[in-house]
Amino acid sequence: MNDYTIIALAIPSEEDYFLSMTKKFDPETLYVECHRCGQPVLWRPGMTTRLLKLAGIDVSTLDQRCVILSEGCPACMPGETTFTTQVIRLNREKGGGDEPVSAAVN
């Protein structure tokens, strides 16, 4: 059984972003995309939390600006079942001043 399924995901609105800032961030809601082909990737529930824990990444440091990039997926690399991943924090709007933060997850 594959851990990955390709699906289309909607990008949250700016209003959704600010409303969700009052709640604790759920790492399972992180967007996952294949860095090679650009397809969204969805894996079984709990996989994101498990990968972050194995990599020693504190989930309290993550927010809606973070995404996971996979170096391949079943769509562009048939037969492969393991892919290197990275957690990336996207830049704020211009003038935000924060630098992007990258943390490796494997």
PDB file of N, CA and C in Angstrom:
ATOM      1  N   MET A   1       0.835  -1.174   0.000  1.00  0.00           N
ATOM      2  CA  MET A   1       0.000   0.000   0.000  1.00  0.00           C
ATOM      3  C   MET A   1       0.884   1.242   0.000  1.00  0.00           C
ATOM      4  N   ASN A   2       0.599   2.184  -0.902  1.00  0.00           N
ATOM      5  CA  ASN A   2       1.370   3.417  -0.972  1.00  0.00           C
ATOM      6  C   ASN A   2       0.986   4.358   0.155  1.00  0.00           C
ATOM      7  N   ASP A   3       1.964   5.143   0.611  1.00  0.00           N
ATOM      8  CA  ASP A   3       1.719   6.146   1.636  1.00  0.00           C
ATOM      9  C   ASP A   3       1.238   7.456   1.027  1.00  0.00           C
ATOM     10  N   TYR A   4       1.214   7.548  -0.300  1.00  0.00           N
ATOM     11  CA  TYR A   4       0.945   8.803  -0.965  1.00  0.00           C
ATOM     12  C   TYR A   4      -0.222   8.686  -1.919  1.00  0.00           C
ATOM     13  N   THR A   5      -1.033   9.729  -1.982  1.00  0.00           N
ATOM     14  CA  THR A   5      -2.115   9.851  -2.939  1.00  0.00           C
ATOM     15  C   THR A   5      -2.088  11.274  -3.459  1.00  0.00           C
ATOM     16  N   ILE A   6      -2.182  11.463  -4.760  1.00  0.00           N
ATOM     17  CA  ILE A   6      -2.174  12.790  -5.354  1.00  0.00           C
ATOM     18  C   ILE A   6      -3.597  13.339  -5.338  1.00  0.00           C
ATOM     19  N   ILE A   7      -3.783  14.550  -4.794  1.00  0.00           N
ATOM     20  CA  ILE A   7      -5.094  15.202  -4.790  1.00  0.00           C
ATOM     21  C   ILE A   7      -4.909  16.693  -5.021  1.00  0.00           C
ATOM     22  N   ALA A   8      -5.975  17.375  -5.344  1.00  0.00           N
ATOM     23  CA  ALA A   8      -5.948  18.828  -5.479  1.00  0.00           C
ATOM     24  C   ALA A   8      -6.376  19.437  -4.148  1.00  0.00           C
ATOM     25  N   LEU A   9      -5.670  20.466  -3.698  1.00  0.00           N
ATOM     26  CA  LEU A   9      -5.976  21.126  -2.436  1.00  0.00           C
ATOM     27  C   LEU A   9      -6.231  22.605  -2.678  1.00  0.00           C
ATOM     28  N   ALA A  10      -7.131  23.186  -1.917  1.00  0.00           N
ATOM     29  CA  ALA A  10      -7.422  24.620  -2.017  1.00  0.00           C
ATOM     30  C   ALA A  10      -6.479  25.406  -1.118  1.00  0.00           C
ATOM     31  N   ILE A  11      -6.109  26.596  -1.526  1.00  0.00           N
ATOM     32  CA  ILE A  11      -5.270  27.478  -0.725  1.00  0.00           C
ATOM     33  C   ILE A  11      -6.186  28.307   0.168  1.00  0.00           C
ATOM     34  N   PRO A  12      -5.904  28.359   1.488  1.00  0.00           N
ATOM     35  CA  PRO A  12      -6.779  29.111   2.393  1.00  0.00           C
ATOM     36  C   PRO A  12      -6.756  30.605   2.072  1.00  0.00           C
ATOM     37  N   SER A  13      -7.885  31.264   2.314  1.00  0.00           N
ATOM     38  CA  SER A  13      -7.981  32.703   2.094  1.00  0.00           C
ATOM     39  C   SER A  13      -7.220  33.434   3.191  1.00  0.00           C
ATOM     40  N   GLU A  14      -6.965  34.730   2.973  1.00  0.00           N
ATOM     41  CA  GLU A  14      -6.275  35.546   3.978  1.00  0.00           C
ATOM     42  C   GLU A  14      -7.089  35.592   5.271  1.00  0.00           C
ATOM     43  N   GLU A  15      -8.415  35.649   5.140  1.00  0.00           N
ATOM     44  CA  GLU A  15      -9.290  35.678   6.307  1.00  0.00           C
ATOM     45  C   GLU A  15      -9.154  34.379   7.108  1.00  0.00           C
ATOM     46  N   ASP A  16      -9.124  33.235   6.419  1.00  0.00           N
ATOM     47  CA  ASP A  16      -8.952  31.950   7.096  1.00  0.00           C
ATOM     48  C   ASP A  16      -7.622  31.906   7.834  1.00  0.00           C
ATOM     49  N   TYR A  17      -6.582  32.487   7.215  1.00  0.00           N
ATOM     50  CA  TYR A  17      -5.252  32.504   7.820  1.00  0.00           C
ATOM     51  C   TYR A  17      -5.295  33.227   9.169  1.00  0.00           C
ATOM     52  N   PHE A  18      -5.867  34.428   9.202  1.00  0.00           N
ATOM     53  CA  PHE A  18      -5.894  35.199  10.439  1.00  0.00           C
ATOM     54  C   PHE A  18      -6.817  34.588  11.484  1.00  0.00           C
ATOM     55  N   LEU A  19      -7.950  34.010  11.074  1.00  0.00           N
ATOM     56  CA  LEU A  19      -8.845  33.364  12.026  1.00  0.00           C
ATOM     57  C   LEU A  19      -8.181  32.159  12.675  1.00  0.00           C
ATOM     58  N   SER A  20      -7.396  31.432  11.894  1.00  0.00           N
ATOM     59  CA  SER A  20      -6.766  30.228  12.427  1.00  0.00           C
ATOM     60  C   SER A  20      -5.586  30.546  13.343  1.00  0.00           C
ATOM     61  N   MET A  21      -5.073  31.763  13.326  1.00  0.00           N
ATOM     62  CA  MET A  21      -3.936  32.120  14.166  1.00  0.00           C
ATOM     63  C   MET A  21      -4.297  32.098  15.650  1.00  0.00           C
ATOM     64  N   THR A  22      -5.587  32.135  15.972  1.00  0.00           N
ATOM     65  CA  THR A  22      -5.993  32.104  17.369  1.00  0.00           C
ATOM     66  C   THR A  22      -6.067  30.675  17.897  1.00  0.00           C
ATOM     67  N   LYS A  23      -5.947  29.696  17.034  1.00  0.00           N
ATOM     68  CA  LYS A  23      -6.007  28.290  17.420  1.00  0.00           C
ATOM     69  C   LYS A  23      -4.607  27.686  17.360  1.00  0.00           C
ATOM     70  N   LYS A  24      -4.407  26.589  18.076  1.00  0.00           N
ATOM     71  CA  LYS A  24      -3.151  25.863  18.008  1.00  0.00           C
ATOM     72  C   LYS A  24      -3.005  25.262  16.606  1.00  0.00           C
ATOM     73  N   PHE A  25      -1.825  25.401  15.999  1.00  0.00           N
ATOM     74  CA  PHE A  25      -1.596  24.916  14.638  1.00  0.00           C
ATOM     75  C   PHE A  25      -1.494  23.394  14.618  1.00  0.00           C
ATOM     76  N   ASP A  26      -2.227  22.773  13.733  1.00  0.00           N
ATOM     77  CA  ASP A  26      -2.200  21.324  13.560  1.00  0.00           C
ATOM     78  C   ASP A  26      -1.222  20.986  12.439  1.00  0.00           C
ATOM     79  N   PRO A  27      -0.086  20.336  12.742  1.00  0.00           N
ATOM     80  CA  PRO A  27       0.903  20.036  11.706  1.00  0.00           C
ATOM     81  C   PRO A  27       0.362  19.135  10.595  1.00  0.00           C
ATOM     82  N   GLU A  28      -0.711  18.408  10.879  1.00  0.00           N
ATOM     83  CA  GLU A  28      -1.294  17.546   9.845  1.00  0.00           C
ATOM     84  C   GLU A  28      -1.912  18.359   8.705  1.00  0.00           C
ATOM     85  N   THR A  29      -2.093  19.667   8.926  1.00  0.00           N
ATOM     86  CA  THR A  29      -2.661  20.515   7.870  1.00  0.00           C
ATOM     87  C   THR A  29      -1.592  21.130   6.974  1.00  0.00           C
ATOM     88  N   LEU A  30      -0.317  20.809   7.206  1.00  0.00           N
ATOM     89  CA  LEU A  30       0.742  21.333   6.344  1.00  0.00           C
ATOM     90  C   LEU A  30       0.534  20.866   4.908  1.00  0.00           C
ATOM     91  N   TYR A  31       0.707  21.776   3.980  1.00  0.00           N
ATOM     92  CA  TYR A  31       0.609  21.461   2.555  1.00  0.00           C
ATOM     93  C   TYR A  31       1.870  20.710   2.146  1.00  0.00           C
ATOM     94  N   VAL A  32       1.705  19.635   1.393  1.00  0.00           N
ATOM     95  CA  VAL A  32       2.833  18.832   0.919  1.00  0.00           C
ATOM     96  C   VAL A  32       2.789  18.822  -0.601  1.00  0.00           C
ATOM     97  N   GLU A  33       3.927  19.157  -1.220  1.00  0.00           N
ATOM     98  CA  GLU A  33       4.003  19.225  -2.679  1.00  0.00           C
ATOM     99  C   GLU A  33       5.275  18.551  -3.166  1.00  0.00           C
ATOM    100  N   CYS A  34       5.181  17.916  -4.331  1.00  0.00           N
ATOM    101  CA  CYS A  34       6.362  17.322  -4.968  1.00  0.00           C
ATOM    102  C   CYS A  34       7.190  18.439  -5.590  1.00  0.00           C
ATOM    103  N   HIS A  35       8.449  18.537  -5.192  1.00  0.00           N
ATOM    104  CA  HIS A  35       9.343  19.574  -5.700  1.00  0.00           C
ATOM    105  C   HIS A  35       9.715  19.316  -7.161  1.00  0.00           C
ATOM    106  N   ARG A  36       9.653  18.068  -7.600  1.00  0.00           N
ATOM    107  CA  ARG A  36      10.014  17.733  -8.984  1.00  0.00           C
ATOM    108  C   ARG A  36       8.902  18.058  -9.976  1.00  0.00           C
ATOM    109  N   CYS A  37       7.681  17.601  -9.686  1.00  0.00           N
ATOM    110  CA  CYS A  37       6.599  17.766 -10.661  1.00  0.00           C
ATOM    111  C   CYS A  37       5.539  18.779 -10.239  1.00  0.00           C
ATOM    112  N   GLY A  38       5.585  19.244  -8.985  1.00  0.00           N
ATOM    113  CA  GLY A  38       4.653  20.259  -8.523  1.00  0.00           C
ATOM    114  C   GLY A  38       3.289  19.750  -8.096  1.00  0.00           C
ATOM    115  N   GLN A  39       3.081  18.430  -8.109  1.00  0.00           N
ATOM    116  CA  GLN A  39       1.798  17.865  -7.704  1.00  0.00           C
ATOM    117  C   GLN A  39       1.647  17.905  -6.183  1.00  0.00           C
ATOM    118  N   PRO A  40       0.430  18.216  -5.701  1.00  0.00           N
ATOM    119  CA  PRO A  40       0.178  18.099  -4.256  1.00  0.00           C
ATOM    120  C   PRO A  40       0.270  16.628  -3.843  1.00  0.00           C
ATOM    121  N   VAL A  41       0.728  16.383  -2.628  1.00  0.00           N
ATOM    122  CA  VAL A  41       0.861  15.020  -2.119  1.00  0.00           C
ATOM    123  C   VAL A  41       0.082  14.919  -0.809  1.00  0.00           C
ATOM    124  N   LEU A  42      -0.696  13.856  -0.673  1.00  0.00           N
ATOM    125  CA  LEU A  42      -1.413  13.596   0.571  1.00  0.00           C
ATOM    126  C   LEU A  42      -1.019  12.206   1.031  1.00  0.00           C
ATOM    127  N   TRP A  43      -0.599  12.105   2.276  1.00  0.00           N
ATOM    128  CA  TRP A  43      -0.260  10.790   2.807  1.00  0.00           C
ATOM    129  C   TRP A  43      -1.163  10.454   3.976  1.00  0.00           C
ATOM    130  N   ARG A  44      -0.999   9.264   4.508  1.00  0.00           N
ATOM    131  CA  ARG A  44      -1.925   8.779   5.544  1.00  0.00           C
ATOM    132  C   ARG A  44      -1.898   9.687   6.777  1.00  0.00           C
ATOM    133  N   PRO A  45      -3.021   9.752   7.500  1.00  0.00           N
ATOM    134  CA  PRO A  45      -3.102  10.585   8.704  1.00  0.00           C
ATOM    135  C   PRO A  45      -1.997  10.229   9.706  1.00  0.00           C
ATOM    136  N   GLY A  46      -1.414  11.254  10.295  1.00  0.00           N
ATOM    137  CA  GLY A  46      -0.365  11.059  11.290  1.00  0.00           C
ATOM    138  C   GLY A  46       1.047  11.053  10.723  1.00  0.00           C
ATOM    139  N   MET A  47       1.190  10.920   9.401  1.00  0.00           N
ATOM    140  CA  MET A  47       2.521  10.827   8.796  1.00  0.00           C
ATOM    141  C   MET A  47       3.319  12.117   8.978  1.00  0.00           C
ATOM    142  N   THR A  48       2.678  13.279   8.829  1.00  0.00           N
ATOM    143  CA  THR A  48       3.395  14.547   8.990  1.00  0.00           C
ATOM    144  C   THR A  48       3.918  14.682  10.412  1.00  0.00           C
ATOM    145  N   THR A  49       3.072  14.436  11.383  1.00  0.00           N
ATOM    146  CA  THR A  49       3.481  14.533  12.790  1.00  0.00           C
ATOM    147  C   THR A  49       4.626  13.564  13.066  1.00  0.00           C
ATOM    148  N   ARG A  50       4.529  12.369  12.544  1.00  0.00           N
ATOM    149  CA  ARG A  50       5.579  11.352  12.743  1.00  0.00           C
ATOM    150  C   ARG A  50       6.911  11.813  12.146  1.00  0.00           C
ATOM    151  N   LEU A  51       6.888  12.332  10.904  1.00  0.00           N
ATOM    152  CA  LEU A  51       8.117  12.790  10.259  1.00  0.00           C
ATOM    153  C   LEU A  51       8.749  13.958  11.005  1.00  0.00           C
ATOM    154  N   LEU A  52       7.906  14.900  11.448  1.00  0.00           N
ATOM    155  CA  LEU A  52       8.426  16.050  12.188  1.00  0.00           C
ATOM    156  C   LEU A  52       9.065  15.609  13.499  1.00  0.00           C
ATOM    157  N   LYS A  53       8.443  14.671  14.179  1.00  0.00           N
ATOM    158  CA  LYS A  53       8.973  14.162  15.447  1.00  0.00           C
ATOM    159  C   LYS A  53      10.311  13.449  15.215  1.00  0.00           C
ATOM    160  N   LEU A  54      10.381  12.603  14.187  1.00  0.00           N
ATOM    161  CA  LEU A  54      11.629  11.891  13.873  1.00  0.00           C
ATOM    162  C   LEU A  54      12.759  12.853  13.530  1.00  0.00           C
ATOM    163  N   ALA A  55      12.411  13.975  12.893  1.00  0.00           N
ATOM    164  CA  ALA A  55      13.421  14.964  12.509  1.00  0.00           C
ATOM    165  C   ALA A  55      13.765  15.905  13.652  1.00  0.00           C
ATOM    166  N   GLY A  56      13.034  15.815  14.770  1.00  0.00           N
ATOM    167  CA  GLY A  56      13.313  16.679  15.907  1.00  0.00           C
ATOM    168  C   GLY A  56      12.827  18.111  15.715  1.00  0.00           C
ATOM    169  N   ILE A  57      11.801  18.299  14.871  1.00  0.00           N
ATOM    170  CA  ILE A  57      11.263  19.632  14.629  1.00  0.00           C
ATOM    171  C   ILE A  57      10.117  19.884  15.599  1.00  0.00           C
ATOM    172  N   ASP A  58      10.217  20.977  16.337  1.00  0.00           N
ATOM    173  CA  ASP A  58       9.198  21.367  17.304  1.00  0.00           C
ATOM    174  C   ASP A  58       8.001  21.928  16.534  1.00  0.00           C
ATOM    175  N   VAL A  59       6.847  21.263  16.611  1.00  0.00           N
ATOM    176  CA  VAL A  59       5.671  21.693  15.852  1.00  0.00           C
ATOM    177  C   VAL A  59       5.170  23.064  16.290  1.00  0.00           C
ATOM    178  N   SER A  60       5.529  23.510  17.487  1.00  0.00           N
ATOM    179  CA  SER A  60       5.092  24.836  17.929  1.00  0.00           C
ATOM    180  C   SER A  60       5.797  25.947  17.154  1.00  0.00           C
ATOM    181  N   THR A  61       6.855  25.612  16.413  1.00  0.00           N
ATOM    182  CA  THR A  61       7.560  26.605  15.598  1.00  0.00           C
ATOM    183  C   THR A  61       6.981  26.710  14.194  1.00  0.00           C
ATOM    184  N   LEU A  62       6.010  25.875  13.870  1.00  0.00           N
ATOM    185  CA  LEU A  62       5.415  25.855  12.533  1.00  0.00           C
ATOM    186  C   LEU A  62       4.122  26.651  12.499  1.00  0.00           C
ATOM    187  N   ASP A  63       3.776  27.141  11.321  1.00  0.00           N
ATOM    188  CA  ASP A  63       2.509  27.849  11.137  1.00  0.00           C
ATOM    189  C   ASP A  63       2.025  27.653   9.697  1.00  0.00           C
ATOM    190  N   GLN A  64       0.999  28.400   9.316  1.00  0.00           N
ATOM    191  CA  GLN A  64       0.386  28.244   7.997  1.00  0.00           C
ATOM    192  C   GLN A  64       1.306  28.657   6.852  1.00  0.00           C
ATOM    193  N   ARG A  65       2.418  29.309   7.142  1.00  0.00           N
ATOM    194  CA  ARG A  65       3.365  29.675   6.086  1.00  0.00           C
ATOM    195  C   ARG A  65       4.329  28.539   5.769  1.00  0.00           C
ATOM    196  N   CYS A  66       4.261  27.452   6.512  1.00  0.00           N
ATOM    197  CA  CYS A  66       5.159  26.322   6.304  1.00  0.00           C
ATOM    198  C   CYS A  66       4.549  25.318   5.335  1.00  0.00           C
ATOM    199  N   VAL A  67       5.398  24.734   4.517  1.00  0.00           N
ATOM    200  CA  VAL A  67       4.989  23.682   3.590  1.00  0.00           C
ATOM    201  C   VAL A  67       6.048  22.588   3.635  1.00  0.00           C
ATOM    202  N   ILE A  68       5.673  21.414   3.174  1.00  0.00           N
ATOM    203  CA  ILE A  68       6.631  20.319   3.044  1.00  0.00           C
ATOM    204  C   ILE A  68       6.846  20.074   1.563  1.00  0.00           C
ATOM    205  N   LEU A  69       8.114  20.043   1.146  1.00  0.00           N
ATOM    206  CA  LEU A  69       8.460  19.724  -0.230  1.00  0.00           C
ATOM    207  C   LEU A  69       9.076  18.340  -0.262  1.00  0.00           C
ATOM    208  N   SER A  70       8.555  17.507  -1.151  1.00  0.00           N
ATOM    209  CA  SER A  70       9.053  16.152  -1.325  1.00  0.00           C
ATOM    210  C   SER A  70       9.908  16.108  -2.582  1.00  0.00           C
ATOM    211  N   GLU A  71      11.044  15.447  -2.496  1.00  0.00           N
ATOM    212  CA  GLU A  71      11.922  15.311  -3.664  1.00  0.00           C
ATOM    213  C   GLU A  71      11.485  14.110  -4.502  1.00  0.00           C
ATOM    214  N   GLY A  72      10.266  14.192  -5.000  1.00  0.00           N
ATOM    215  CA  GLY A  72       9.691  13.125  -5.810  1.00  0.00           C
ATOM    216  C   GLY A  72       8.379  12.663  -5.211  1.00  0.00           C
ATOM    217  N   CYS A  73       7.612  11.950  -6.025  1.00  0.00           N
ATOM    218  CA  CYS A  73       6.332  11.404  -5.589  1.00  0.00           C
ATOM    219  C   CYS A  73       6.001  10.219  -6.491  1.00  0.00           C
ATOM    220  N   PRO A  74       5.011   9.427  -6.136  1.00  0.00           N
ATOM    221  CA  PRO A  74       4.661   8.274  -6.973  1.00  0.00           C
ATOM    222  C   PRO A  74       4.252   8.655  -8.403  1.00  0.00           C
ATOM    223  N   ALA A  75       3.754   9.873  -8.604  1.00  0.00           N
ATOM    224  CA  ALA A  75       3.341  10.299  -9.943  1.00  0.00           C
ATOM    225  C   ALA A  75       4.539  10.498 -10.871  1.00  0.00           C
ATOM    226  N   CYS A  76       5.623  11.076 -10.355  1.00  0.00           N
ATOM    227  CA  CYS A  76       6.779  11.347 -11.213  1.00  0.00           C
ATOM    228  C   CYS A  76       7.912  10.326 -11.037  1.00  0.00           C
ATOM    229  N   MET A  77       7.818   9.491  -9.994  1.00  0.00           N
ATOM    230  CA  MET A  77       8.828   8.462  -9.758  1.00  0.00           C
ATOM    231  C   MET A  77       8.137   7.146  -9.410  1.00  0.00           C
ATOM    232  N   PRO A  78       7.431   6.564 -10.395  1.00  0.00           N
ATOM    233  CA  PRO A  78       6.698   5.314 -10.133  1.00  0.00           C
ATOM    234  C   PRO A  78       7.619   4.228  -9.572  1.00  0.00           C
ATOM    235  N   GLY A  79       7.096   3.482  -8.630  1.00  0.00           N
ATOM    236  CA  GLY A  79       7.862   2.400  -8.034  1.00  0.00           C
ATOM    237  C   GLY A  79       8.634   2.810  -6.788  1.00  0.00           C
ATOM    238  N   GLU A  80       8.903   4.105  -6.616  1.00  0.00           N
ATOM    239  CA  GLU A  80       9.590   4.586  -5.419  1.00  0.00           C
ATOM    240  C   GLU A  80       8.579   4.729  -4.287  1.00  0.00           C
ATOM    241  N   THR A  81       9.002   4.428  -3.074  1.00  0.00           N
ATOM    242  CA  THR A  81       8.106   4.552  -1.926  1.00  0.00           C
ATOM    243  C   THR A  81       8.670   5.455  -0.836  1.00  0.00           C
ATOM    244  N   THR A  82       9.935   5.872  -0.965  1.00  0.00           N
ATOM    245  CA  THR A  82      10.569   6.717   0.033  1.00  0.00           C
ATOM    246  C   THR A  82      11.125   7.947  -0.663  1.00  0.00           C
ATOM    247  N   PHE A  83      10.821   9.131  -0.093  1.00  0.00           N
ATOM    248  CA  PHE A  83      11.274  10.381  -0.687  1.00  0.00           C
ATOM    249  C   PHE A  83      11.836  11.295   0.398  1.00  0.00           C
ATOM    250  N   THR A  84      12.897  12.009   0.094  1.00  0.00           N
ATOM    251  CA  THR A  84      13.454  13.009   0.997  1.00  0.00           C
ATOM    252  C   THR A  84      12.501  14.203   1.008  1.00  0.00           C
ATOM    253  N   THR A  85      12.304  14.785   2.186  1.00  0.00           N
ATOM    254  CA  THR A  85      11.404  15.931   2.312  1.00  0.00           C
ATOM    255  C   THR A  85      12.079  17.051   3.086  1.00  0.00           C
ATOM    256  N   GLN A  86      11.559  18.270   2.912  1.00  0.00           N
ATOM    257  CA  GLN A  86      12.039  19.440   3.638  1.00  0.00           C
ATOM    258  C   GLN A  86      10.842  20.257   4.088  1.00  0.00           C
ATOM    259  N   VAL A  87      10.960  20.858   5.264  1.00  0.00           N
ATOM    260  CA  VAL A  87       9.960  21.821   5.713  1.00  0.00           C
ATOM    261  C   VAL A  87      10.490  23.197   5.328  1.00  0.00           C
ATOM    262  N   ILE A  88       9.665  23.970   4.637  1.00  0.00           N
ATOM    263  CA  ILE A  88      10.048  25.302   4.168  1.00  0.00           C
ATOM    264  C   ILE A  88       9.063  26.316   4.727  1.00  0.00           C
ATOM    265  N   ARG A  89       9.570  27.437   5.233  1.00  0.00           N
ATOM    266  CA  ARG A  89       8.697  28.535   5.664  1.00  0.00           C
ATOM    267  C   ARG A  89       8.728  29.582   4.557  1.00  0.00           C
ATOM    268  N   LEU A  90       7.561  29.875   3.993  1.00  0.00           N
ATOM    269  CA  LEU A  90       7.464  30.853   2.928  1.00  0.00           C
ATOM    270  C   LEU A  90       7.640  32.257   3.481  1.00  0.00           C
ATOM    271  N   ASN A  91       8.157  33.165   2.646  1.00  0.00           N
ATOM    272  CA  ASN A  91       8.334  34.565   3.044  1.00  0.00           C
ATOM    273  C   ASN A  91       7.002  35.212   3.346  1.00  0.00           C
ATOM    274  N   ARG A  92       7.040  36.181   4.243  1.00  0.00           N
ATOM    275  CA  ARG A  92       5.862  37.021   4.480  1.00  0.00           C
ATOM    276  C   ARG A  92       5.707  37.942   3.280  1.00  0.00           C
ATOM    277  N   GLU A  93       4.624  38.695   3.282  1.00  0.00           N
ATOM    278  CA  GLU A  93       4.430  39.702   2.245  1.00  0.00           C
ATOM    279  C   GLU A  93       5.637  40.634   2.240  1.00  0.00           C
ATOM    280  N   LYS A  94       5.850  41.354   1.142  1.00  0.00           N
ATOM    281  CA  LYS A  94       6.962  42.300   1.059  1.00  0.00           C
ATOM    282  C   LYS A  94       6.928  43.245   2.254  1.00  0.00           C
ATOM    283  N   GLY A  95       8.102  43.489   2.814  1.00  0.00           N
ATOM    284  CA  GLY A  95       8.195  44.375   3.967  1.00  0.00           C
ATOM    285  C   GLY A  95       8.024  43.653   5.289  1.00  0.00           C
ATOM    286  N   GLY A  96       7.769  42.325   5.247  1.00  0.00           N
ATOM    287  CA  GLY A  96       7.574  41.561   6.472  1.00  0.00           C
ATOM    288  C   GLY A  96       8.842  41.413   7.277  1.00  0.00           C
ATOM    289  N   GLY A  97      10.005  41.367   6.590  1.00  0.00           N
ATOM    290  CA  GLY A  97      11.280  41.348   7.275  1.00  0.00           C
ATOM    291  C   GLY A  97      11.757  39.974   7.730  1.00  0.00           C
ATOM    292  N   ASP A  98      10.903  38.962   7.776  1.00  0.00           N
ATOM    293  CA  ASP A  98      11.340  37.639   8.220  1.00  0.00           C
ATOM    294  C   ASP A  98      12.052  36.917   7.096  1.00  0.00           C
ATOM    295  N   GLU A  99      13.126  36.248   7.427  1.00  0.00           N
ATOM    296  CA  GLU A  99      13.847  35.425   6.465  1.00  0.00           C
ATOM    297  C   GLU A  99      13.216  34.035   6.421  1.00  0.00           C
ATOM    298  N   PRO A 100      13.237  33.347   5.263  1.00  0.00           N
ATOM    299  CA  PRO A 100      12.693  31.989   5.220  1.00  0.00           C
ATOM    300  C   PRO A 100      13.532  31.056   6.088  1.00  0.00           C
ATOM    301  N   VAL A 101      12.881  30.077   6.683  1.00  0.00           N
ATOM    302  CA  VAL A 101      13.543  29.096   7.538  1.00  0.00           C
ATOM    303  C   VAL A 101      13.362  27.725   6.905  1.00  0.00           C
ATOM    304  N   SER A 102      14.420  26.950   6.834  1.00  0.00           N
ATOM    305  CA  SER A 102      14.355  25.620   6.262  1.00  0.00           C
ATOM    306  C   SER A 102      14.819  24.613   7.294  1.00  0.00           C
ATOM    307  N   ALA A 103      14.109  23.505   7.385  1.00  0.00           N
ATOM    308  CA  ALA A 103      14.500  22.428   8.290  1.00  0.00           C
ATOM    309  C   ALA A 103      14.330  21.119   7.548  1.00  0.00           C
ATOM    310  N   ALA A 104      15.318  20.265   7.567  1.00  0.00           N
ATOM    311  CA  ALA A 104      15.246  19.005   6.838  1.00  0.00           C
ATOM    312  C   ALA A 104      14.395  18.005   7.580  1.00  0.00           C
ATOM    313  N   VAL A 105      13.568  17.297   6.828  1.00  0.00           N
ATOM    314  CA  VAL A 105      12.750  16.202   7.362  1.00  0.00           C
ATOM    315  C   VAL A 105      12.972  15.034   6.428  1.00  0.00           C
ATOM    316  N   ASN A 106      13.262  13.888   6.965  1.00  0.00           N
ATOM    317  CA  ASN A 106      13.469  12.719   6.105  1.00  0.00           C
ATOM    318  C   ASN A 106      12.708  11.556   6.635  1.00  0.00           C
TER     319      ASN A 106
END
